Amino acid sequence: MNWKQLTSVEDLDRAISASENVTVVLFKHSTRCSISRMALKMFEGGWNESLSTVDAHFLDLLEHKDISAAITEKLDVEHQSPQMLVLRGGKVVHHASHSTIDADSIMNFI
């Protein structure tokens, strides 16, 4: 899977804009958390070719707390870690955290 790194609020804005045309996934990951590491591993393990049109973005929460705060503000979704957000049309259409993160659930939004 090819993650696009979110390293600026401008990257986030571009991802939100891209969701007007494609399904966008934002994955918020805490690199020091074993639960987050397990959720990421399970998510990546479930990723397959049927999701090739999805625009996947990765946020390192420890490095970019400002972007996490911008996600909460711009998308009106409560912060969780780990967290997966699915965007369509500039809005969150699905979100999951911890053990409910599942790549298969994205299929409903393609």
C-alpha atoms as a PDB file:
ATOM      1  CA  MET A   1       0.000   0.000   0.000  1.00  0.00           C
ATOM      2  CA  ASN A   2       1.201   3.475  -0.820  1.00  0.00           C
ATOM      3  CA  TRP A   3       0.663   5.932   1.998  1.00  0.00           C
ATOM      4  CA  LYS A   4       0.775   9.662   1.370  1.00  0.00           C
ATOM      5  CA  GLN A   5       2.239  11.299   4.449  1.00  0.00           C
ATOM      6  CA  LEU A   6       0.301  14.165   6.021  1.00  0.00           C
ATOM      7  CA  THR A   7       3.026  16.567   7.114  1.00  0.00           C
ATOM      8  CA  SER A   8       1.224  19.902   6.877  1.00  0.00           C
ATOM      9  CA  VAL A   9      -2.248  21.365   7.174  1.00  0.00           C
ATOM     10  CA  GLU A  10      -1.968  22.098   3.449  1.00  0.00           C
ATOM     11  CA  ASP A  11      -1.575  18.331   2.838  1.00  0.00           C
ATOM     12  CA  LEU A  12      -4.765  17.808   4.836  1.00  0.00           C
ATOM     13  CA  ASP A  13      -6.588  20.466   2.813  1.00  0.00           C
ATOM     14  CA  ARG A  14      -5.489  18.765  -0.420  1.00  0.00           C
ATOM     15  CA  ALA A  15      -6.737  15.404   0.870  1.00  0.00           C
ATOM     16  CA  ILE A  16     -10.114  16.897   1.804  1.00  0.00           C
ATOM     17  CA  SER A  17     -10.355  18.490  -1.658  1.00  0.00           C
ATOM     18  CA  ALA A  18      -9.393  15.199  -3.330  1.00  0.00           C
ATOM     19  CA  SER A  19     -12.344  13.532  -1.592  1.00  0.00           C
ATOM     20  CA  GLU A  20     -14.627  15.404  -4.005  1.00  0.00           C
ATOM     21  CA  ASN A  21     -13.440  12.985  -6.710  1.00  0.00           C
ATOM     22  CA  VAL A  22     -12.165   9.860  -4.947  1.00  0.00           C
ATOM     23  CA  THR A  23     -12.546   8.078  -1.635  1.00  0.00           C
ATOM     24  CA  VAL A  24      -9.925   9.342   0.805  1.00  0.00           C
ATOM     25  CA  VAL A  25      -8.757   7.533   3.931  1.00  0.00           C
ATOM     26  CA  LEU A  26      -6.928   9.276   6.754  1.00  0.00           C
ATOM     27  CA  PHE A  27      -5.144   6.987   9.220  1.00  0.00           C
ATOM     28  CA  LYS A  28      -4.089   8.630  12.490  1.00  0.00           C
ATOM     29  CA  HIS A  29      -1.325   6.618  14.139  1.00  0.00           C
ATOM     30  CA  SER A  30       0.532   6.989  17.416  1.00  0.00           C
ATOM     31  CA  THR A  31       3.988   5.520  16.862  1.00  0.00           C
ATOM     32  CA  ARG A  32       4.491   4.841  20.584  1.00  0.00           C
ATOM     33  CA  CYS A  33       1.257   2.922  21.116  1.00  0.00           C
ATOM     34  CA  SER A  34       1.109  -0.863  20.757  1.00  0.00           C
ATOM     35  CA  ILE A  35      -2.668  -0.766  20.115  1.00  0.00           C
ATOM     36  CA  SER A  36      -2.135   1.736  17.317  1.00  0.00           C
ATOM     37  CA  ARG A  37       0.666  -0.398  15.876  1.00  0.00           C
ATOM     38  CA  MET A  38      -1.607  -3.464  15.896  1.00  0.00           C
ATOM     39  CA  ALA A  39      -4.495  -1.541  14.277  1.00  0.00           C
ATOM     40  CA  LEU A  40      -2.145  -0.297  11.550  1.00  0.00           C
ATOM     41  CA  LYS A  41      -0.802  -3.792  10.910  1.00  0.00           C
ATOM     42  CA  MET A  42      -4.327  -5.243  10.675  1.00  0.00           C
ATOM     43  CA  PHE A  43      -5.448  -2.387   8.401  1.00  0.00           C
ATOM     44  CA  GLU A  44      -2.495  -2.798   6.049  1.00  0.00           C
ATOM     45  CA  GLY A  45      -2.992  -6.579   6.067  1.00  0.00           C
ATOM     46  CA  GLY A  46      -6.576  -6.106   4.906  1.00  0.00           C
ATOM     47  CA  TRP A  47      -5.636  -3.692   2.118  1.00  0.00           C
ATOM     48  CA  ASN A  48      -5.939  -5.272  -1.311  1.00  0.00           C
ATOM     49  CA  GLU A  49      -6.130  -4.436  -5.006  1.00  0.00           C
ATOM     50  CA  SER A  50      -9.854  -3.667  -4.802  1.00  0.00           C
ATOM     51  CA  LEU A  51      -8.894  -0.547  -2.836  1.00  0.00           C
ATOM     52  CA  SER A  52      -6.430   0.695  -5.468  1.00  0.00           C
ATOM     53  CA  THR A  53      -8.549   3.775  -6.260  1.00  0.00           C
ATOM     54  CA  VAL A  54      -8.556   4.920  -2.625  1.00  0.00           C
ATOM     55  CA  ASP A  55      -6.319   7.858  -1.743  1.00  0.00           C
ATOM     56  CA  ALA A  56      -4.676   6.758   1.556  1.00  0.00           C
ATOM     57  CA  HIS A  57      -3.060   9.291   3.904  1.00  0.00           C
ATOM     58  CA  PHE A  58      -1.015   8.567   7.019  1.00  0.00           C
ATOM     59  CA  LEU A  59      -0.630  10.901  10.000  1.00  0.00           C
ATOM     60  CA  ASP A  60       2.066  10.398  12.621  1.00  0.00           C
ATOM     61  CA  LEU A  61       0.280  11.890  15.628  1.00  0.00           C
ATOM     62  CA  LEU A  62       3.394  12.428  17.697  1.00  0.00           C
ATOM     63  CA  GLU A  63       5.128  14.415  14.958  1.00  0.00           C
ATOM     64  CA  HIS A  64       2.114  16.405  13.775  1.00  0.00           C
ATOM     65  CA  LYS A  65      -0.275  17.242  16.608  1.00  0.00           C
ATOM     66  CA  ASP A  66      -1.233  20.420  14.755  1.00  0.00           C
ATOM     67  CA  ILE A  67      -2.608  18.396  11.841  1.00  0.00           C
ATOM     68  CA  SER A  68      -4.575  16.173  14.207  1.00  0.00           C
ATOM     69  CA  ALA A  69      -6.116  19.288  15.759  1.00  0.00           C
ATOM     70  CA  ALA A  70      -6.929  20.595  12.264  1.00  0.00           C
ATOM     71  CA  ILE A  71      -8.662  17.289  11.433  1.00  0.00           C
ATOM     72  CA  THR A  72     -10.850  17.655  14.514  1.00  0.00           C
ATOM     73  CA  GLU A  73     -11.675  21.263  13.636  1.00  0.00           C
ATOM     74  CA  LYS A  74     -12.162  20.939   9.868  1.00  0.00           C
ATOM     75  CA  LEU A  75     -13.952  17.590   9.828  1.00  0.00           C
ATOM     76  CA  ASP A  76     -15.872  17.895  13.119  1.00  0.00           C
ATOM     77  CA  VAL A  77     -14.888  14.474  14.406  1.00  0.00           C
ATOM     78  CA  GLU A  78     -13.715  13.654  17.914  1.00  0.00           C
ATOM     79  CA  HIS A  79     -10.020  12.736  18.151  1.00  0.00           C
ATOM     80  CA  GLN A  80      -9.151   9.081  18.729  1.00  0.00           C
ATOM     81  CA  SER A  81      -5.889   7.214  18.438  1.00  0.00           C
ATOM     82  CA  PRO A  82      -5.581   5.133  16.401  1.00  0.00           C
ATOM     83  CA  GLN A  83      -8.295   6.359  14.082  1.00  0.00           C
ATOM     84  CA  MET A  84      -9.373   5.815  10.486  1.00  0.00           C
ATOM     85  CA  LEU A  85     -11.512   8.397   8.698  1.00  0.00           C
ATOM     86  CA  VAL A  86     -13.140   7.854   5.308  1.00  0.00           C
ATOM     87  CA  LEU A  87     -13.903  11.033   3.352  1.00  0.00           C
ATOM     88  CA  ARG A  88     -16.216  11.588   0.390  1.00  0.00           C
ATOM     89  CA  GLY A  89     -17.338  14.972  -0.854  1.00  0.00           C
ATOM     90  CA  GLY A  90     -15.228  16.808   1.707  1.00  0.00           C
ATOM     91  CA  LYS A  91     -16.968  15.136   4.650  1.00  0.00           C
ATOM     92  CA  VAL A  92     -16.388  12.191   6.959  1.00  0.00           C
ATOM     93  CA  VAL A  93     -18.682   9.369   5.850  1.00  0.00           C
ATOM     94  CA  HIS A  94     -17.206   6.746   8.172  1.00  0.00           C
ATOM     95  CA  HIS A  95     -14.772   6.640  11.042  1.00  0.00           C
ATOM     96  CA  ALA A  96     -13.458   3.927  13.283  1.00  0.00           C
ATOM     97  CA  SER A  97     -10.959   3.632  16.096  1.00  0.00           C
ATOM     98  CA  HIS A  98      -8.960   0.965  17.851  1.00  0.00           C
ATOM     99  CA  SER A  99     -10.181  -2.571  17.109  1.00  0.00           C
ATOM    100  CA  THR A 100     -13.021  -1.415  14.833  1.00  0.00           C
ATOM    101  CA  ILE A 101     -10.573  -0.180  12.171  1.00  0.00           C
ATOM    102  CA  ASP A 102     -11.082  -2.385   9.133  1.00  0.00           C
ATOM    103  CA  ALA A 103      -9.952  -1.935   5.519  1.00  0.00           C
ATOM    104  CA  ASP A 104     -12.976  -3.906   4.281  1.00  0.00           C
ATOM    105  CA  SER A 105     -15.360  -1.222   5.558  1.00  0.00           C
ATOM    106  CA  ILE A 106     -13.944   1.209   2.978  1.00  0.00           C
ATOM    107  CA  MET A 107     -15.510  -0.834   0.171  1.00  0.00           C
ATOM    108  CA  ASN A 108     -18.907   0.652   1.070  1.00  0.00           C
ATOM    109  CA  PHE A 109     -17.659   4.091   0.035  1.00  0.00           C
ATOM    110  CA  ILE A 110     -15.946   3.422  -3.294  1.00  0.00           C
END
